[in-house]
Amino acid sequence: MPAGAAQEPPGRAVAQGGFTLLELLVVIAIIALATAGVGLALRDSGAAALQREGERLAALLEAARAQSRASGAAVRWRADAQGFQFEGLVGSQLPRHWLDSATSVRGPATLWLGPEPLIGAQQVLIVSQAHPERAVRVATDGLRPFSAQALP
C-alpha cells in the first residue's frame, strides 16, 4: 500500500454514490405537483368562458325576475343579434350584451320571467361560435332559481 493512503477499517463497506428511495419519492412527488399545476393553468378557456356566460345569464334572469315581481310587470327575456334584452322592465340597468361577442343562443330564445311567483319550466341553450360543439343550458323548473349547467 502506498505511503499516505488511508486504510479502510475491515468490515466497513465503501459508500456508493446515488439516491435513496426517499429522495426519489420526493422528486417524483414534486414532478407530479408541477404537472398538476400546469394542467390546471392550461384549462380549456372556451368551456370556462361559456360556463361563465351561463352563470352570468342565470344571475341576470333572476334579477329581472325579482324586478318583475316587485313591479308587477310582465317581463320577457329575448335574445337578438346584438345580445339580448329584457322587455317590460322600465328604467332597468341590466346588461344587454354577452361578455364574449361569439356567444349566441341555440333554439328558442324567449323566456317569460313573471310577475307570478311560480313560472313554467323554461330553458335556453347558449353556445359559442368558437366552440360550437359545447353548450350551456340555463334553466329553471319554475320554482327554483335559474342555474347554468354545461352539456357534454
N, C-alpha and C. Protein backbone atom coordinates (compact mmCIF):
# COMPACT_ATOMS: atom_id res chain seq x y z
N MET A 1 0.85 -1.16 0.00
CA MET A 1 0.00 0.00 0.00
C MET A 1 0.90 1.23 0.00
N PRO A 2 0.57 2.24 -0.82
CA PRO A 2 1.41 3.42 -0.89
C PRO A 2 1.38 4.18 0.42
N ALA A 3 2.44 4.88 0.64
CA ALA A 3 2.53 5.66 1.87
C ALA A 3 1.55 6.82 1.82
N GLY A 4 0.86 7.11 2.89
CA GLY A 4 -0.09 8.20 2.98
C GLY A 4 -1.49 7.83 2.56
N ALA A 5 -1.71 6.63 2.07
CA ALA A 5 -3.05 6.22 1.67
C ALA A 5 -3.83 5.80 2.91
N ALA A 6 -5.07 6.24 2.97
CA ALA A 6 -5.92 5.90 4.12
C ALA A 6 -6.32 4.44 4.02
N GLN A 7 -6.25 3.81 5.14
CA GLN A 7 -6.62 2.41 5.16
C GLN A 7 -8.03 2.29 5.69
N GLU A 8 -8.88 1.54 4.96
CA GLU A 8 -10.26 1.32 5.37
C GLU A 8 -10.29 0.28 6.47
N PRO A 9 -11.12 0.53 7.48
CA PRO A 9 -11.23 -0.49 8.51
C PRO A 9 -11.85 -1.76 7.93
N PRO A 10 -11.44 -2.89 8.38
CA PRO A 10 -12.01 -4.11 7.86
C PRO A 10 -13.47 -4.24 8.27
N GLY A 11 -14.32 -4.76 7.38
CA GLY A 11 -15.74 -4.95 7.68
C GLY A 11 -16.61 -3.74 7.37
N ARG A 12 -16.01 -2.63 6.99
CA ARG A 12 -16.82 -1.43 6.67
C ARG A 12 -16.89 -1.32 5.16
N ALA A 13 -18.12 -1.22 4.63
CA ALA A 13 -18.30 -1.13 3.18
C ALA A 13 -18.01 0.27 2.69
N VAL A 14 -17.55 0.35 1.49
CA VAL A 14 -17.29 1.64 0.88
C VAL A 14 -18.63 2.24 0.47
N ALA A 15 -18.88 3.53 0.78
CA ALA A 15 -20.14 4.18 0.44
C ALA A 15 -20.27 4.32 -1.08
N GLN A 16 -21.45 3.97 -1.58
CA GLN A 16 -21.73 4.07 -3.00
C GLN A 16 -22.42 5.41 -3.28
N GLY A 17 -22.15 6.04 -4.39
CA GLY A 17 -22.83 7.28 -4.78
C GLY A 17 -24.19 6.94 -5.38
N GLY A 18 -25.22 7.75 -5.11
CA GLY A 18 -26.54 7.50 -5.66
C GLY A 18 -27.62 8.14 -4.80
N PHE A 19 -28.88 7.85 -5.13
CA PHE A 19 -30.01 8.43 -4.42
C PHE A 19 -30.70 7.37 -3.59
N THR A 20 -31.23 7.79 -2.46
CA THR A 20 -32.01 6.86 -1.64
C THR A 20 -33.43 6.81 -2.19
N LEU A 21 -34.18 5.82 -1.76
CA LEU A 21 -35.57 5.67 -2.19
C LEU A 21 -36.39 6.89 -1.77
N LEU A 22 -36.15 7.40 -0.59
CA LEU A 22 -36.88 8.58 -0.10
C LEU A 22 -36.62 9.80 -0.99
N GLU A 23 -35.39 10.00 -1.38
CA GLU A 23 -35.07 11.13 -2.26
C GLU A 23 -35.77 11.00 -3.60
N LEU A 24 -35.81 9.80 -4.15
CA LEU A 24 -36.50 9.58 -5.42
C LEU A 24 -38.00 9.83 -5.30
N LEU A 25 -38.61 9.40 -4.18
CA LEU A 25 -40.05 9.64 -3.98
C LEU A 25 -40.36 11.13 -3.85
N VAL A 26 -39.50 11.88 -3.19
CA VAL A 26 -39.70 13.32 -3.06
C VAL A 26 -39.64 13.99 -4.43
N VAL A 27 -38.68 13.61 -5.26
CA VAL A 27 -38.56 14.19 -6.60
C VAL A 27 -39.78 13.84 -7.45
N ILE A 28 -40.26 12.61 -7.37
CA ILE A 28 -41.45 12.21 -8.13
C ILE A 28 -42.68 12.98 -7.66
N ALA A 29 -42.81 13.21 -6.35
CA ALA A 29 -43.94 13.98 -5.83
C ALA A 29 -43.89 15.43 -6.33
N ILE A 30 -42.71 16.01 -6.36
CA ILE A 30 -42.57 17.39 -6.85
C ILE A 30 -42.94 17.46 -8.33
N ILE A 31 -42.51 16.51 -9.11
CA ILE A 31 -42.86 16.48 -10.54
C ILE A 31 -44.37 16.32 -10.72
N ALA A 32 -45.00 15.47 -9.91
CA ALA A 32 -46.45 15.28 -10.01
C ALA A 32 -47.20 16.56 -9.68
N LEU A 33 -46.77 17.28 -8.64
CA LEU A 33 -47.42 18.55 -8.29
C LEU A 33 -47.24 19.59 -9.40
N ALA A 34 -46.06 19.65 -9.97
CA ALA A 34 -45.81 20.60 -11.05
C ALA A 34 -46.68 20.27 -12.27
N THR A 35 -46.82 19.00 -12.58
CA THR A 35 -47.66 18.59 -13.71
C THR A 35 -49.12 18.95 -13.46
N ALA A 36 -49.59 18.72 -12.25
CA ALA A 36 -50.97 19.08 -11.92
C ALA A 36 -51.19 20.59 -12.03
N GLY A 37 -50.22 21.36 -11.57
CA GLY A 37 -50.33 22.82 -11.67
C GLY A 37 -50.40 23.30 -13.10
N VAL A 38 -49.58 22.72 -13.96
CA VAL A 38 -49.61 23.09 -15.37
C VAL A 38 -50.94 22.69 -16.00
N GLY A 39 -51.45 21.52 -15.64
CA GLY A 39 -52.74 21.08 -16.17
C GLY A 39 -53.87 22.02 -15.81
N LEU A 40 -53.86 22.51 -14.58
CA LEU A 40 -54.90 23.46 -14.16
C LEU A 40 -54.71 24.81 -14.83
N ALA A 41 -53.47 25.21 -15.04
CA ALA A 41 -53.21 26.50 -15.68
C ALA A 41 -53.62 26.49 -17.15
N LEU A 42 -53.55 25.36 -17.80
CA LEU A 42 -53.90 25.26 -19.21
C LEU A 42 -55.33 24.76 -19.42
N ARG A 43 -56.18 25.02 -18.45
CA ARG A 43 -57.58 24.59 -18.54
C ARG A 43 -58.22 25.15 -19.79
N ASP A 44 -59.20 24.44 -20.31
CA ASP A 44 -59.87 24.84 -21.54
C ASP A 44 -60.61 26.15 -21.33
N SER A 45 -60.09 27.22 -21.88
CA SER A 45 -60.69 28.54 -21.66
C SER A 45 -62.02 28.69 -22.39
N GLY A 46 -62.24 27.97 -23.48
CA GLY A 46 -63.50 28.06 -24.20
C GLY A 46 -64.66 27.56 -23.37
N ALA A 47 -64.48 26.43 -22.73
CA ALA A 47 -65.53 25.87 -21.88
C ALA A 47 -65.74 26.76 -20.65
N ALA A 48 -64.66 27.26 -20.07
CA ALA A 48 -64.77 28.11 -18.90
C ALA A 48 -65.49 29.42 -19.23
N ALA A 49 -65.18 30.01 -20.38
CA ALA A 49 -65.83 31.26 -20.77
C ALA A 49 -67.31 31.06 -21.01
N LEU A 50 -67.68 29.95 -21.64
CA LEU A 50 -69.09 29.67 -21.91
C LEU A 50 -69.84 29.41 -20.59
N GLN A 51 -69.21 28.70 -19.67
CA GLN A 51 -69.83 28.47 -18.36
C GLN A 51 -70.02 29.79 -17.62
N ARG A 52 -69.04 30.68 -17.70
CA ARG A 52 -69.14 32.00 -17.08
C ARG A 52 -70.31 32.79 -17.67
N GLU A 53 -70.49 32.70 -19.00
CA GLU A 53 -71.62 33.37 -19.65
C GLU A 53 -72.94 32.81 -19.12
N GLY A 54 -73.01 31.49 -18.96
CA GLY A 54 -74.22 30.87 -18.46
C GLY A 54 -74.55 31.29 -17.04
N GLU A 55 -73.55 31.33 -16.19
CA GLU A 55 -73.77 31.75 -14.80
C GLU A 55 -74.17 33.21 -14.73
N ARG A 56 -73.59 34.04 -15.57
CA ARG A 56 -73.95 35.46 -15.61
C ARG A 56 -75.39 35.62 -16.08
N LEU A 57 -75.78 34.87 -17.13
CA LEU A 57 -77.15 34.96 -17.63
C LEU A 57 -78.14 34.49 -16.56
N ALA A 58 -77.82 33.42 -15.84
CA ALA A 58 -78.71 32.93 -14.78
C ALA A 58 -78.91 34.02 -13.72
N ALA A 59 -77.84 34.71 -13.34
CA ALA A 59 -77.95 35.78 -12.35
C ALA A 59 -78.78 36.95 -12.88
N LEU A 60 -78.59 37.30 -14.16
CA LEU A 60 -79.38 38.39 -14.75
C LEU A 60 -80.85 38.02 -14.83
N LEU A 61 -81.15 36.78 -15.18
CA LEU A 61 -82.54 36.34 -15.25
C LEU A 61 -83.20 36.39 -13.88
N GLU A 62 -82.47 36.01 -12.86
CA GLU A 62 -83.02 36.08 -11.50
C GLU A 62 -83.24 37.52 -11.07
N ALA A 63 -82.33 38.42 -11.45
CA ALA A 63 -82.50 39.84 -11.12
C ALA A 63 -83.74 40.40 -11.82
N ALA A 64 -83.92 40.07 -13.08
CA ALA A 64 -85.09 40.54 -13.82
C ALA A 64 -86.37 39.93 -13.26
N ARG A 65 -86.29 38.68 -12.85
CA ARG A 65 -87.46 38.02 -12.26
C ARG A 65 -87.86 38.71 -10.96
N ALA A 66 -86.88 39.10 -10.15
CA ALA A 66 -87.17 39.82 -8.90
C ALA A 66 -87.76 41.20 -9.18
N GLN A 67 -87.22 41.90 -10.17
CA GLN A 67 -87.77 43.21 -10.54
C GLN A 67 -89.18 43.07 -11.07
N SER A 68 -89.45 42.02 -11.80
CA SER A 68 -90.79 41.78 -12.34
C SER A 68 -91.79 41.56 -11.21
N ARG A 69 -91.39 40.77 -10.23
CA ARG A 69 -92.29 40.51 -9.10
C ARG A 69 -92.51 41.78 -8.28
N ALA A 70 -91.45 42.58 -8.12
CA ALA A 70 -91.58 43.81 -7.32
C ALA A 70 -92.45 44.85 -8.01
N SER A 71 -92.34 44.95 -9.33
CA SER A 71 -93.09 45.98 -10.06
C SER A 71 -94.47 45.49 -10.51
N GLY A 72 -94.65 44.19 -10.59
CA GLY A 72 -95.92 43.64 -11.07
C GLY A 72 -96.02 43.63 -12.58
N ALA A 73 -94.94 43.94 -13.27
CA ALA A 73 -94.94 44.00 -14.74
C ALA A 73 -94.46 42.67 -15.31
N ALA A 74 -95.11 42.25 -16.39
CA ALA A 74 -94.68 41.05 -17.08
C ALA A 74 -93.36 41.34 -17.80
N VAL A 75 -92.41 40.45 -17.66
CA VAL A 75 -91.09 40.64 -18.25
C VAL A 75 -90.76 39.46 -19.14
N ARG A 76 -90.24 39.78 -20.31
CA ARG A 76 -89.83 38.74 -21.25
C ARG A 76 -88.37 38.97 -21.60
N TRP A 77 -87.58 37.89 -21.56
CA TRP A 77 -86.18 37.94 -22.00
C TRP A 77 -86.14 37.39 -23.41
N ARG A 78 -85.43 38.10 -24.27
CA ARG A 78 -85.35 37.68 -25.67
C ARG A 78 -83.95 37.92 -26.18
N ALA A 79 -83.39 36.90 -26.85
CA ALA A 79 -82.07 37.05 -27.48
C ALA A 79 -82.23 37.69 -28.84
N ASP A 80 -81.26 38.51 -29.23
CA ASP A 80 -81.28 39.12 -30.55
C ASP A 80 -79.87 39.09 -31.13
N ALA A 81 -79.68 39.70 -32.27
CA ALA A 81 -78.39 39.65 -32.96
C ALA A 81 -77.28 40.37 -32.17
N GLN A 82 -77.62 41.41 -31.41
CA GLN A 82 -76.62 42.16 -30.66
C GLN A 82 -76.36 41.58 -29.28
N GLY A 83 -77.22 40.75 -28.79
CA GLY A 83 -77.09 40.20 -27.44
C GLY A 83 -78.42 39.68 -26.96
N PHE A 84 -79.02 40.43 -26.03
CA PHE A 84 -80.34 40.06 -25.51
C PHE A 84 -80.97 41.29 -24.89
N GLN A 85 -82.27 41.19 -24.60
CA GLN A 85 -82.95 42.31 -23.97
C GLN A 85 -84.04 41.82 -23.04
N PHE A 86 -84.34 42.67 -22.07
CA PHE A 86 -85.41 42.41 -21.12
C PHE A 86 -86.55 43.35 -21.47
N GLU A 87 -87.62 42.80 -21.99
CA GLU A 87 -88.77 43.62 -22.37
C GLU A 87 -89.76 43.67 -21.22
N GLY A 88 -90.23 44.87 -20.89
CA GLY A 88 -91.20 45.05 -19.83
C GLY A 88 -90.62 45.71 -18.59
N LEU A 89 -89.31 45.80 -18.50
CA LEU A 89 -88.68 46.47 -17.37
C LEU A 89 -88.39 47.92 -17.75
N VAL A 90 -89.05 48.84 -17.09
CA VAL A 90 -88.86 50.25 -17.39
C VAL A 90 -87.71 50.78 -16.55
N GLY A 91 -86.76 51.43 -17.20
CA GLY A 91 -85.64 52.05 -16.49
C GLY A 91 -84.65 51.05 -15.91
N SER A 92 -84.65 49.83 -16.38
CA SER A 92 -83.74 48.82 -15.86
C SER A 92 -82.32 49.06 -16.37
N GLN A 93 -81.35 48.82 -15.52
CA GLN A 93 -79.94 48.99 -15.88
C GLN A 93 -79.26 47.64 -16.11
N LEU A 94 -80.03 46.60 -16.37
CA LEU A 94 -79.45 45.28 -16.61
C LEU A 94 -78.68 45.27 -17.93
N PRO A 95 -77.56 44.57 -17.98
CA PRO A 95 -76.77 44.49 -19.22
C PRO A 95 -77.59 43.87 -20.35
N ARG A 96 -77.19 44.19 -21.58
CA ARG A 96 -77.90 43.68 -22.75
C ARG A 96 -76.96 43.00 -23.74
N HIS A 97 -75.73 42.75 -23.33
CA HIS A 97 -74.75 42.15 -24.24
C HIS A 97 -74.04 40.98 -23.56
N TRP A 98 -73.58 40.05 -24.37
CA TRP A 98 -72.78 38.94 -23.88
C TRP A 98 -71.39 39.46 -23.54
N LEU A 99 -70.70 38.78 -22.66
CA LEU A 99 -69.31 39.13 -22.36
C LEU A 99 -68.41 38.85 -23.55
N ASP A 100 -68.71 37.76 -24.27
CA ASP A 100 -67.95 37.37 -25.46
C ASP A 100 -68.86 37.52 -26.67
N SER A 101 -68.43 38.25 -27.67
CA SER A 101 -69.27 38.50 -28.85
C SER A 101 -69.55 37.24 -29.66
N ALA A 102 -68.81 36.15 -29.42
CA ALA A 102 -69.03 34.89 -30.13
C ALA A 102 -70.16 34.07 -29.52
N THR A 103 -70.74 34.53 -28.41
CA THR A 103 -71.81 33.80 -27.73
C THR A 103 -73.14 34.07 -28.42
N SER A 104 -73.94 33.02 -28.55
CA SER A 104 -75.28 33.15 -29.12
C SER A 104 -76.19 32.10 -28.50
N VAL A 105 -77.45 32.12 -28.90
CA VAL A 105 -78.45 31.20 -28.37
C VAL A 105 -78.82 30.20 -29.44
N ARG A 106 -78.95 28.94 -29.04
CA ARG A 106 -79.40 27.88 -29.94
C ARG A 106 -80.85 27.53 -29.57
N GLY A 107 -81.70 27.50 -30.57
CA GLY A 107 -83.09 27.12 -30.32
C GLY A 107 -83.93 28.29 -29.87
N PRO A 108 -85.05 28.01 -29.18
CA PRO A 108 -85.95 29.09 -28.72
C PRO A 108 -85.21 30.08 -27.84
N ALA A 109 -85.44 31.36 -28.11
CA ALA A 109 -84.69 32.41 -27.43
C ALA A 109 -85.60 33.38 -26.70
N THR A 110 -86.67 32.86 -26.09
CA THR A 110 -87.58 33.72 -25.35
C THR A 110 -87.93 33.04 -24.02
N LEU A 111 -87.86 33.82 -22.94
CA LEU A 111 -88.22 33.33 -21.61
C LEU A 111 -89.19 34.32 -20.98
N TRP A 112 -90.22 33.82 -20.30
CA TRP A 112 -91.15 34.66 -19.55
C TRP A 112 -90.76 34.60 -18.08
N LEU A 113 -90.57 35.77 -17.46
CA LEU A 113 -89.99 35.82 -16.12
C LEU A 113 -90.94 36.25 -15.01
N GLY A 114 -92.14 36.55 -15.30
CA GLY A 114 -93.03 36.91 -14.18
C GLY A 114 -94.11 37.87 -14.59
N PRO A 115 -94.83 38.39 -13.66
CA PRO A 115 -94.56 38.66 -12.25
C PRO A 115 -95.04 37.59 -11.27
N GLU A 116 -95.62 36.51 -11.75
CA GLU A 116 -96.11 35.47 -10.85
C GLU A 116 -94.95 34.83 -10.09
N PRO A 117 -95.19 34.40 -8.85
CA PRO A 117 -94.10 33.78 -8.09
C PRO A 117 -93.67 32.44 -8.68
N LEU A 118 -94.58 31.74 -9.33
CA LEU A 118 -94.25 30.48 -9.99
C LEU A 118 -94.38 30.67 -11.49
N ILE A 119 -93.34 30.33 -12.20
CA ILE A 119 -93.38 30.39 -13.66
C ILE A 119 -93.18 28.98 -14.19
N GLY A 120 -93.47 28.77 -15.44
CA GLY A 120 -93.30 27.45 -16.03
C GLY A 120 -91.83 27.09 -16.18
N ALA A 121 -91.59 25.80 -16.32
CA ALA A 121 -90.22 25.35 -16.56
C ALA A 121 -89.74 25.91 -17.89
N GLN A 122 -88.55 26.48 -17.89
CA GLN A 122 -88.01 27.12 -19.09
C GLN A 122 -86.52 26.89 -19.16
N GLN A 123 -86.00 26.95 -20.37
CA GLN A 123 -84.56 26.82 -20.56
C GLN A 123 -84.13 27.51 -21.83
N VAL A 124 -82.86 27.83 -21.88
CA VAL A 124 -82.24 28.39 -23.07
C VAL A 124 -80.85 27.78 -23.18
N LEU A 125 -80.44 27.46 -24.40
CA LEU A 125 -79.10 26.91 -24.63
C LEU A 125 -78.22 28.00 -25.22
N ILE A 126 -77.07 28.23 -24.60
CA ILE A 126 -76.14 29.19 -25.16
C ILE A 126 -74.92 28.44 -25.68
N VAL A 127 -74.39 28.93 -26.77
CA VAL A 127 -73.24 28.31 -27.43
C VAL A 127 -72.25 29.40 -27.81
N SER A 128 -71.04 28.97 -28.13
CA SER A 128 -70.02 29.88 -28.60
C SER A 128 -69.67 29.50 -30.03
N GLN A 129 -69.56 30.49 -30.89
CA GLN A 129 -69.19 30.20 -32.28
C GLN A 129 -67.78 29.64 -32.35
N ALA A 130 -66.93 29.97 -31.37
CA ALA A 130 -65.57 29.45 -31.34
C ALA A 130 -65.54 27.96 -30.99
N HIS A 131 -66.53 27.49 -30.23
CA HIS A 131 -66.62 26.07 -29.82
C HIS A 131 -68.06 25.61 -30.01
N PRO A 132 -68.53 25.39 -31.24
CA PRO A 132 -69.93 25.06 -31.47
C PRO A 132 -70.35 23.70 -30.92
N GLU A 133 -69.39 22.84 -30.57
CA GLU A 133 -69.75 21.53 -30.04
C GLU A 133 -70.12 21.59 -28.55
N ARG A 134 -69.86 22.70 -27.89
CA ARG A 134 -70.17 22.87 -26.47
C ARG A 134 -71.41 23.73 -26.31
N ALA A 135 -72.14 23.46 -25.24
CA ALA A 135 -73.32 24.26 -24.94
C ALA A 135 -73.52 24.31 -23.43
N VAL A 136 -74.17 25.37 -22.97
CA VAL A 136 -74.55 25.52 -21.57
C VAL A 136 -76.05 25.77 -21.53
N ARG A 137 -76.72 24.99 -20.69
CA ARG A 137 -78.17 25.16 -20.52
C ARG A 137 -78.41 26.02 -19.29
N VAL A 138 -79.17 27.09 -19.46
CA VAL A 138 -79.60 27.94 -18.36
C VAL A 138 -81.08 27.65 -18.19
N ALA A 139 -81.46 27.08 -17.04
CA ALA A 139 -82.82 26.58 -16.90
C ALA A 139 -83.35 26.77 -15.49
N THR A 140 -84.68 26.70 -15.40
CA THR A 140 -85.39 26.68 -14.12
C THR A 140 -86.57 25.72 -14.26
N ASP A 141 -86.98 25.16 -13.14
CA ASP A 141 -88.19 24.34 -13.15
C ASP A 141 -89.42 25.19 -12.83
N GLY A 142 -89.23 26.48 -12.65
CA GLY A 142 -90.31 27.41 -12.36
C GLY A 142 -90.38 27.80 -10.90
N LEU A 143 -89.86 26.97 -10.04
CA LEU A 143 -89.87 27.24 -8.61
C LEU A 143 -88.47 27.65 -8.13
N ARG A 144 -87.46 26.90 -8.54
CA ARG A 144 -86.09 27.20 -8.15
C ARG A 144 -85.49 28.27 -9.06
N PRO A 145 -84.39 28.87 -8.62
CA PRO A 145 -83.74 29.89 -9.46
C PRO A 145 -83.15 29.29 -10.74
N PHE A 146 -82.89 30.16 -11.69
CA PHE A 146 -82.20 29.74 -12.92
C PHE A 146 -80.80 29.28 -12.53
N SER A 147 -80.30 28.27 -13.23
CA SER A 147 -78.94 27.79 -12.99
C SER A 147 -78.33 27.41 -14.33
N ALA A 148 -77.01 27.43 -14.39
CA ALA A 148 -76.27 27.11 -15.61
C ALA A 148 -75.64 25.73 -15.46
N GLN A 149 -75.81 24.92 -16.50
CA GLN A 149 -75.25 23.57 -16.48
C GLN A 149 -74.61 23.29 -17.84
N ALA A 150 -73.34 22.90 -17.81
CA ALA A 150 -72.63 22.56 -19.05
C ALA A 150 -73.16 21.24 -19.59
N LEU A 151 -73.36 21.19 -20.89
CA LEU A 151 -73.82 19.96 -21.55
C LEU A 151 -72.63 19.27 -22.19
N PRO A 152 -72.63 17.95 -22.20
CA PRO A 152 -71.50 17.22 -22.82
C PRO A 152 -71.44 17.41 -24.31
